[in-house]
Structure formats: structure tokens, C-alpha cells
Amino acid sequence: MPKVYTRYGDSGETSLLYGGRVKKNDLRTEAYGTIDEAVSALGMARISSTDPHVKEIILNLQKDLFTAGAELATDKDHFNKFLKHFTPITEDMIKSAEETIDELQSEFELPPFFVLPGGSSASSAIDLSRSILRRAERWIVSLDEGNLIREESVVLPYINRVADLLFILARYEDRKLENDLLK
């Protein structure tokens, strides 16, 4: 079995997918690392939820977010290599997130007050994931401003939409709770 440690990162650098090395605090590593945090928090949400539909949505989001992270971990000059292994984030994925939001919202009414996270373990982990993705969004904006992602990339609107979806998913997870628990 290969060793987990390589020592290649001991100098504060890491490898991008399909070529190139950057500092560990590079905008790209901040962006895809933050998405990785959200994927991990979604794992906590998935294991905490008892709702099969919520678990399915989360699992699919984890897979797609992994792809978003891989896209951001690839230098745009090496993107053709990425395409041999992954399908990039697409407009259809954004539309799917919107459709899921609409479907979930049709099944419950949002509370008429500001919702504090903490209704349940699962919704709290979903809300944590949402706030982590909002941070990833900010890093992606910086990447875009630095011309470090492809012009055709739709990762930013996708992450924005998934964060919206996670807000609704957390409320959906807690839809049967008494409103007093959500204040």
C-alpha cells in the first residue's frame, strides 16, 4: 500500500490537478479547499438526516461539488486534461439546483422570521455547509478577478445556487419542527 505522506507539501506548496505547483495559500487552493470543507460538512448532514430524499440530494451535491473543486484545482492552461476525466460544472447543473429548490419549497412554507441554525443536527450541518460555500464564492470571485478560471466557467453561479439550495434544504429538513425551535 502506498504511503499517505509524500513530503511534497512540506515547503508550503501543493500540486494542482494535471500540472503546476502553487503555494498552499494560493487563491485556487483557498477556493477548492473551501469547497472541500463544505463537502465534509455535508457528510455530517447526510449521516445526521433520517430523510432519504434529503440524503439523496446531499450525496448528489457532494459528488457535484467534488467536480467543482476539481475544476478549480485545474490550471486553465491544463483544462483539456481535466476534460478527459471530468465533466465540468454546466448550466444544466445550475438549472437542476433551481428545480430542486422549487420542488422542496412547494412542500413547505418558509417561517415568517429569520431562522437561526440549530433546529436539528442535520439542518445545522447543512447550514454550516451553506456558509462555507458562501466563503468559497468569495474566493471564486477573487479567482475570476485574477483571470485564473476559464471565461466559460459557470462554477461561480453554480456555487451560488447550491448555497441557496442548502438554505432551503435545511428548512426542508426541519419542516416538521415547531416554529419555536427555529427562532
C-alpha atoms as a PDB file:
ATOM      1  CA  MET A   1       0.000   0.000   0.000  1.00  0.00           C
ATOM      2  CA  PRO A   2       1.398   3.446  -0.900  1.00  0.00           C
ATOM      3  CA  LYS A   3       2.207   5.838   1.920  1.00  0.00           C
ATOM      4  CA  VAL A   4      -0.229   8.653   2.630  1.00  0.00           C
ATOM      5  CA  TYR A   5       2.511  11.207   3.098  1.00  0.00           C
ATOM      6  CA  THR A   6       4.652  12.359   0.201  1.00  0.00           C
ATOM      7  CA  ARG A   7       6.554  15.251   1.798  1.00  0.00           C
ATOM      8  CA  TYR A   8       5.978  17.257  -1.402  1.00  0.00           C
ATOM      9  CA  GLY A   9       3.924  19.808   0.533  1.00  0.00           C
ATOM     10  CA  ASP A  10       6.408  20.340   3.334  1.00  0.00           C
ATOM     11  CA  SER A  11       7.711  23.528   1.711  1.00  0.00           C
ATOM     12  CA  GLY A  12       4.262  25.132   1.641  1.00  0.00           C
ATOM     13  CA  GLU A  13       3.438  24.255  -1.952  1.00  0.00           C
ATOM     14  CA  THR A  14       0.948  21.844  -3.456  1.00  0.00           C
ATOM     15  CA  SER A  15       0.274  20.408  -6.894  1.00  0.00           C
ATOM     16  CA  LEU A  16      -2.680  21.431  -8.997  1.00  0.00           C
ATOM     17  CA  LEU A  17      -4.508  18.741 -10.905  1.00  0.00           C
ATOM     18  CA  TYR A  18      -2.929  17.971 -14.270  1.00  0.00           C
ATOM     19  CA  GLY A  19       0.123  20.185 -13.787  1.00  0.00           C
ATOM     20  CA  GLY A  20       1.552  23.116 -11.927  1.00  0.00           C
ATOM     21  CA  ARG A  21       2.506  23.857  -8.340  1.00  0.00           C
ATOM     22  CA  VAL A  22       1.234  26.717  -6.208  1.00  0.00           C
ATOM     23  CA  LYS A  23       1.594  27.949  -2.647  1.00  0.00           C
ATOM     24  CA  LYS A  24      -0.857  26.348  -0.250  1.00  0.00           C
ATOM     25  CA  ASN A  25      -2.452  29.749   0.321  1.00  0.00           C
ATOM     26  CA  ASP A  26      -2.958  30.377  -3.407  1.00  0.00           C
ATOM     27  CA  LEU A  27      -6.431  31.619  -4.374  1.00  0.00           C
ATOM     28  CA  ARG A  28      -7.093  28.308  -6.117  1.00  0.00           C
ATOM     29  CA  THR A  29      -6.255  26.211  -3.072  1.00  0.00           C
ATOM     30  CA  GLU A  30      -8.383  28.521  -0.924  1.00  0.00           C
ATOM     31  CA  ALA A  31     -11.329  28.099  -3.305  1.00  0.00           C
ATOM     32  CA  TYR A  32     -11.212  24.345  -3.807  1.00  0.00           C
ATOM     33  CA  GLY A  33     -10.176  23.755  -0.206  1.00  0.00           C
ATOM     34  CA  THR A  34     -13.201  25.682   0.978  1.00  0.00           C
ATOM     35  CA  ILE A  35     -15.439  23.596  -1.275  1.00  0.00           C
ATOM     36  CA  ASP A  36     -13.824  20.502   0.252  1.00  0.00           C
ATOM     37  CA  GLU A  37     -14.792  21.819   3.710  1.00  0.00           C
ATOM     38  CA  ALA A  38     -18.391  22.167   2.547  1.00  0.00           C
ATOM     39  CA  VAL A  39     -18.379  18.617   1.162  1.00  0.00           C
ATOM     40  CA  SER A  40     -17.166  17.332   4.540  1.00  0.00           C
ATOM     41  CA  ALA A  41     -19.838  19.279   6.422  1.00  0.00           C
ATOM     42  CA  LEU A  42     -22.417  17.851   4.020  1.00  0.00           C
ATOM     43  CA  GLY A  43     -21.181  14.405   5.011  1.00  0.00           C
ATOM     44  CA  MET A  44     -22.104  15.267   8.600  1.00  0.00           C
ATOM     45  CA  ALA A  45     -25.514  16.435   7.385  1.00  0.00           C
ATOM     46  CA  ARG A  46     -26.096  13.293   5.347  1.00  0.00           C
ATOM     47  CA  ILE A  47     -25.288  10.959   8.215  1.00  0.00           C
ATOM     48  CA  SER A  48     -27.435  13.048  10.605  1.00  0.00           C
ATOM     49  CA  SER A  49     -30.544  13.186   8.439  1.00  0.00           C
ATOM     50  CA  THR A  50     -33.188  10.493   8.619  1.00  0.00           C
ATOM     51  CA  ASP A  51     -34.930  11.687   5.444  1.00  0.00           C
ATOM     52  CA  PRO A  52     -33.987   9.538   2.410  1.00  0.00           C
ATOM     53  CA  HIS A  53     -34.787  12.370  -0.004  1.00  0.00           C
ATOM     54  CA  VAL A  54     -32.510  14.788   1.867  1.00  0.00           C
ATOM     55  CA  LYS A  55     -29.752  12.163   1.980  1.00  0.00           C
ATOM     56  CA  GLU A  56     -30.023  11.631  -1.787  1.00  0.00           C
ATOM     57  CA  ILE A  57     -29.883  15.360  -2.527  1.00  0.00           C
ATOM     58  CA  ILE A  58     -26.849  15.774  -0.279  1.00  0.00           C
ATOM     59  CA  LEU A  59     -24.997  12.817  -1.805  1.00  0.00           C
ATOM     60  CA  ASN A  60     -25.556  14.183  -5.314  1.00  0.00           C
ATOM     61  CA  LEU A  61     -24.404  17.636  -4.220  1.00  0.00           C
ATOM     62  CA  GLN A  62     -21.272  16.168  -2.643  1.00  0.00           C
ATOM     63  CA  LYS A  63     -20.376  14.485  -5.926  1.00  0.00           C
ATOM     64  CA  ASP A  64     -21.010  17.631  -7.967  1.00  0.00           C
ATOM     65  CA  LEU A  65     -19.137  19.829  -5.509  1.00  0.00           C
ATOM     66  CA  PHE A  66     -16.190  17.449  -5.747  1.00  0.00           C
ATOM     67  CA  THR A  67     -16.248  18.115  -9.500  1.00  0.00           C
ATOM     68  CA  ALA A  68     -16.431  21.880  -8.896  1.00  0.00           C
ATOM     69  CA  GLY A  69     -13.395  21.610  -6.643  1.00  0.00           C
ATOM     70  CA  ALA A  70     -11.515  19.596  -9.255  1.00  0.00           C
ATOM     71  CA  GLU A  71     -12.354  22.195 -11.884  1.00  0.00           C
ATOM     72  CA  LEU A  72     -10.955  24.949  -9.657  1.00  0.00           C
ATOM     73  CA  ALA A  73      -7.873  22.825  -8.858  1.00  0.00           C
ATOM     74  CA  THR A  74      -7.003  22.700 -12.563  1.00  0.00           C
ATOM     75  CA  ASP A  75      -4.988  25.496 -14.137  1.00  0.00           C
ATOM     76  CA  LYS A  76      -6.979  26.807 -17.087  1.00  0.00           C
ATOM     77  CA  ASP A  77      -3.997  26.062 -19.354  1.00  0.00           C
ATOM     78  CA  HIS A  78      -4.375  22.351 -18.478  1.00  0.00           C
ATOM     79  CA  PHE A  79      -8.155  22.218 -18.770  1.00  0.00           C
ATOM     80  CA  ASN A  80      -8.105  19.791 -21.719  1.00  0.00           C
ATOM     81  CA  LYS A  81      -6.550  17.206 -19.391  1.00  0.00           C
ATOM     82  CA  PHE A  82      -9.370  17.839 -16.889  1.00  0.00           C
ATOM     83  CA  LEU A  83     -11.947  17.158 -19.617  1.00  0.00           C
ATOM     84  CA  LYS A  84     -10.515  13.668 -20.158  1.00  0.00           C
ATOM     85  CA  HIS A  85     -11.537  12.723 -16.598  1.00  0.00           C
ATOM     86  CA  PHE A  86     -14.415  15.014 -15.590  1.00  0.00           C
ATOM     87  CA  THR A  87     -17.412  16.803 -16.969  1.00  0.00           C
ATOM     88  CA  PRO A  88     -17.196  20.431 -15.846  1.00  0.00           C
ATOM     89  CA  ILE A  89     -19.977  22.211 -13.991  1.00  0.00           C
ATOM     90  CA  THR A  90     -22.727  23.046 -16.500  1.00  0.00           C
ATOM     91  CA  GLU A  91     -25.738  25.302 -16.895  1.00  0.00           C
ATOM     92  CA  ASP A  92     -27.872  22.150 -16.601  1.00  0.00           C
ATOM     93  CA  MET A  93     -26.491  21.580 -13.114  1.00  0.00           C
ATOM     94  CA  ILE A  94     -27.495  25.120 -12.147  1.00  0.00           C
ATOM     95  CA  LYS A  95     -30.962  24.512 -13.568  1.00  0.00           C
ATOM     96  CA  SER A  96     -31.205  21.235 -11.656  1.00  0.00           C
ATOM     97  CA  ALA A  97     -30.373  23.031  -8.403  1.00  0.00           C
ATOM     98  CA  GLU A  98     -33.078  25.600  -9.152  1.00  0.00           C
ATOM     99  CA  GLU A  99     -35.602  22.852  -9.877  1.00  0.00           C
ATOM    100  CA  THR A 100     -34.729  21.139  -6.605  1.00  0.00           C
ATOM    101  CA  ILE A 101     -35.197  24.424  -4.739  1.00  0.00           C
ATOM    102  CA  ASP A 102     -38.620  24.874  -6.352  1.00  0.00           C
ATOM    103  CA  GLU A 103     -39.620  21.267  -5.619  1.00  0.00           C
ATOM    104  CA  LEU A 104     -38.621  21.497  -1.959  1.00  0.00           C
ATOM    105  CA  GLN A 105     -40.235  24.904  -1.472  1.00  0.00           C
ATOM    106  CA  SER A 106     -43.515  23.572  -2.840  1.00  0.00           C
ATOM    107  CA  GLU A 107     -43.678  21.152   0.101  1.00  0.00           C
ATOM    108  CA  PHE A 108     -43.429  23.618   2.995  1.00  0.00           C
ATOM    109  CA  GLU A 109     -43.708  27.273   3.894  1.00  0.00           C
ATOM    110  CA  LEU A 110     -40.687  29.251   4.978  1.00  0.00           C
ATOM    111  CA  PRO A 111     -41.022  30.577   8.527  1.00  0.00           C
ATOM    112  CA  PRO A 112     -42.009  34.273   8.615  1.00  0.00           C
ATOM    113  CA  PHE A 113     -38.939  35.161  10.689  1.00  0.00           C
ATOM    114  CA  PHE A 114     -35.167  34.990  10.497  1.00  0.00           C
ATOM    115  CA  VAL A 115     -34.131  31.386  11.091  1.00  0.00           C
ATOM    116  CA  LEU A 116     -31.225  30.683  13.398  1.00  0.00           C
ATOM    117  CA  PRO A 117     -29.374  27.462  12.580  1.00  0.00           C
ATOM    118  CA  GLY A 118     -29.817  24.769  15.187  1.00  0.00           C
ATOM    119  CA  GLY A 119     -33.211  23.192  14.612  1.00  0.00           C
ATOM    120  CA  SER A 120     -31.598  19.772  14.247  1.00  0.00           C
ATOM    121  CA  SER A 121     -28.162  18.233  13.815  1.00  0.00           C
ATOM    122  CA  ALA A 122     -28.757  17.640  10.109  1.00  0.00           C
ATOM    123  CA  SER A 123     -30.061  21.131   9.342  1.00  0.00           C
ATOM    124  CA  SER A 124     -27.225  22.668  11.362  1.00  0.00           C
ATOM    125  CA  ALA A 125     -24.659  20.773   9.286  1.00  0.00           C
ATOM    126  CA  ILE A 126     -26.477  21.828   6.094  1.00  0.00           C
ATOM    127  CA  ASP A 127     -26.408  25.462   7.249  1.00  0.00           C
ATOM    128  CA  LEU A 128     -22.707  25.123   8.080  1.00  0.00           C
ATOM    129  CA  SER A 129     -22.134  23.810   4.545  1.00  0.00           C
ATOM    130  CA  ARG A 130     -24.072  26.752   3.126  1.00  0.00           C
ATOM    131  CA  SER A 131     -21.990  29.314   4.981  1.00  0.00           C
ATOM    132  CA  ILE A 132     -18.784  27.533   3.941  1.00  0.00           C
ATOM    133  CA  LEU A 133     -19.916  27.661   0.300  1.00  0.00           C
ATOM    134  CA  ARG A 134     -20.574  31.387   0.643  1.00  0.00           C
ATOM    135  CA  ARG A 135     -16.901  31.734   1.607  1.00  0.00           C
ATOM    136  CA  ALA A 136     -15.934  29.613  -1.411  1.00  0.00           C
ATOM    137  CA  GLU A 137     -17.954  32.005  -3.561  1.00  0.00           C
ATOM    138  CA  ARG A 138     -15.851  34.903  -2.350  1.00  0.00           C
ATOM    139  CA  TRP A 139     -12.659  33.011  -3.220  1.00  0.00           C
ATOM    140  CA  ILE A 140     -14.033  32.171  -6.669  1.00  0.00           C
ATOM    141  CA  VAL A 141     -14.799  35.853  -7.285  1.00  0.00           C
ATOM    142  CA  SER A 142     -11.139  36.578  -6.488  1.00  0.00           C
ATOM    143  CA  LEU A 143     -10.064  33.818  -8.884  1.00  0.00           C
ATOM    144  CA  ASP A 144     -12.231  35.322 -11.598  1.00  0.00           C
ATOM    145  CA  GLU A 145     -10.876  38.817 -10.951  1.00  0.00           C
ATOM    146  CA  GLY A 146      -7.357  37.386 -11.224  1.00  0.00           C
ATOM    147  CA  ASN A 147      -8.214  35.741 -14.548  1.00  0.00           C
ATOM    148  CA  LEU A 148      -7.420  32.322 -13.049  1.00  0.00           C
ATOM    149  CA  ILE A 149     -10.541  30.492 -14.237  1.00  0.00           C
ATOM    150  CA  ARG A 150     -11.886  29.917 -17.712  1.00  0.00           C
ATOM    151  CA  GLU A 151     -14.228  32.561 -19.138  1.00  0.00           C
ATOM    152  CA  GLU A 152     -16.730  29.776 -19.904  1.00  0.00           C
ATOM    153  CA  SER A 153     -16.764  28.532 -16.318  1.00  0.00           C
ATOM    154  CA  VAL A 154     -20.111  28.507 -14.527  1.00  0.00           C
ATOM    155  CA  VAL A 155     -18.674  27.372 -11.201  1.00  0.00           C
ATOM    156  CA  LEU A 156     -19.496  30.708  -9.536  1.00  0.00           C
ATOM    157  CA  PRO A 157     -23.223  30.748 -10.376  1.00  0.00           C
ATOM    158  CA  TYR A 158     -23.383  27.029  -9.559  1.00  0.00           C
ATOM    159  CA  ILE A 159     -21.888  27.529  -6.079  1.00  0.00           C
ATOM    160  CA  ASN A 160     -24.227  30.474  -5.544  1.00  0.00           C
ATOM    161  CA  ARG A 161     -27.241  28.355  -6.468  1.00  0.00           C
ATOM    162  CA  VAL A 162     -26.134  25.399  -4.349  1.00  0.00           C
ATOM    163  CA  ALA A 163     -25.784  27.715  -1.351  1.00  0.00           C
ATOM    164  CA  ASP A 164     -29.378  28.843  -1.999  1.00  0.00           C
ATOM    165  CA  LEU A 165     -30.418  25.203  -2.264  1.00  0.00           C
ATOM    166  CA  LEU A 166     -28.736  24.387   1.039  1.00  0.00           C
ATOM    167  CA  PHE A 167     -30.670  27.174   2.771  1.00  0.00           C
ATOM    168  CA  ILE A 168     -33.926  25.658   1.527  1.00  0.00           C
ATOM    169  CA  LEU A 169     -32.758  22.098   2.215  1.00  0.00           C
ATOM    170  CA  ALA A 170     -32.030  22.952   5.853  1.00  0.00           C
ATOM    171  CA  ARG A 171     -35.505  24.447   6.222  1.00  0.00           C
ATOM    172  CA  TYR A 172     -36.976  21.390   4.477  1.00  0.00           C
ATOM    173  CA  GLU A 173     -35.086  19.100   6.863  1.00  0.00           C
ATOM    174  CA  ASP A 174     -36.700  20.914   9.794  1.00  0.00           C
ATOM    175  CA  ARG A 175     -40.108  21.416   8.187  1.00  0.00           C
ATOM    176  CA  LYS A 176     -41.899  19.327  10.813  1.00  0.00           C
ATOM    177  CA  LEU A 177     -40.327  21.046  13.826  1.00  0.00           C
ATOM    178  CA  GLU A 178     -42.264  23.505  15.921  1.00  0.00           C
ATOM    179  CA  ASN A 179     -41.504  27.065  14.815  1.00  0.00           C
ATOM    180  CA  ASP A 180     -40.403  27.975  18.355  1.00  0.00           C
ATOM    181  CA  LEU A 181     -37.397  25.691  17.931  1.00  0.00           C
ATOM    182  CA  LEU A 182     -36.249  27.639  14.893  1.00  0.00           C
ATOM    183  CA  LYS A 183     -36.322  31.156  16.376  1.00  0.00           C
END
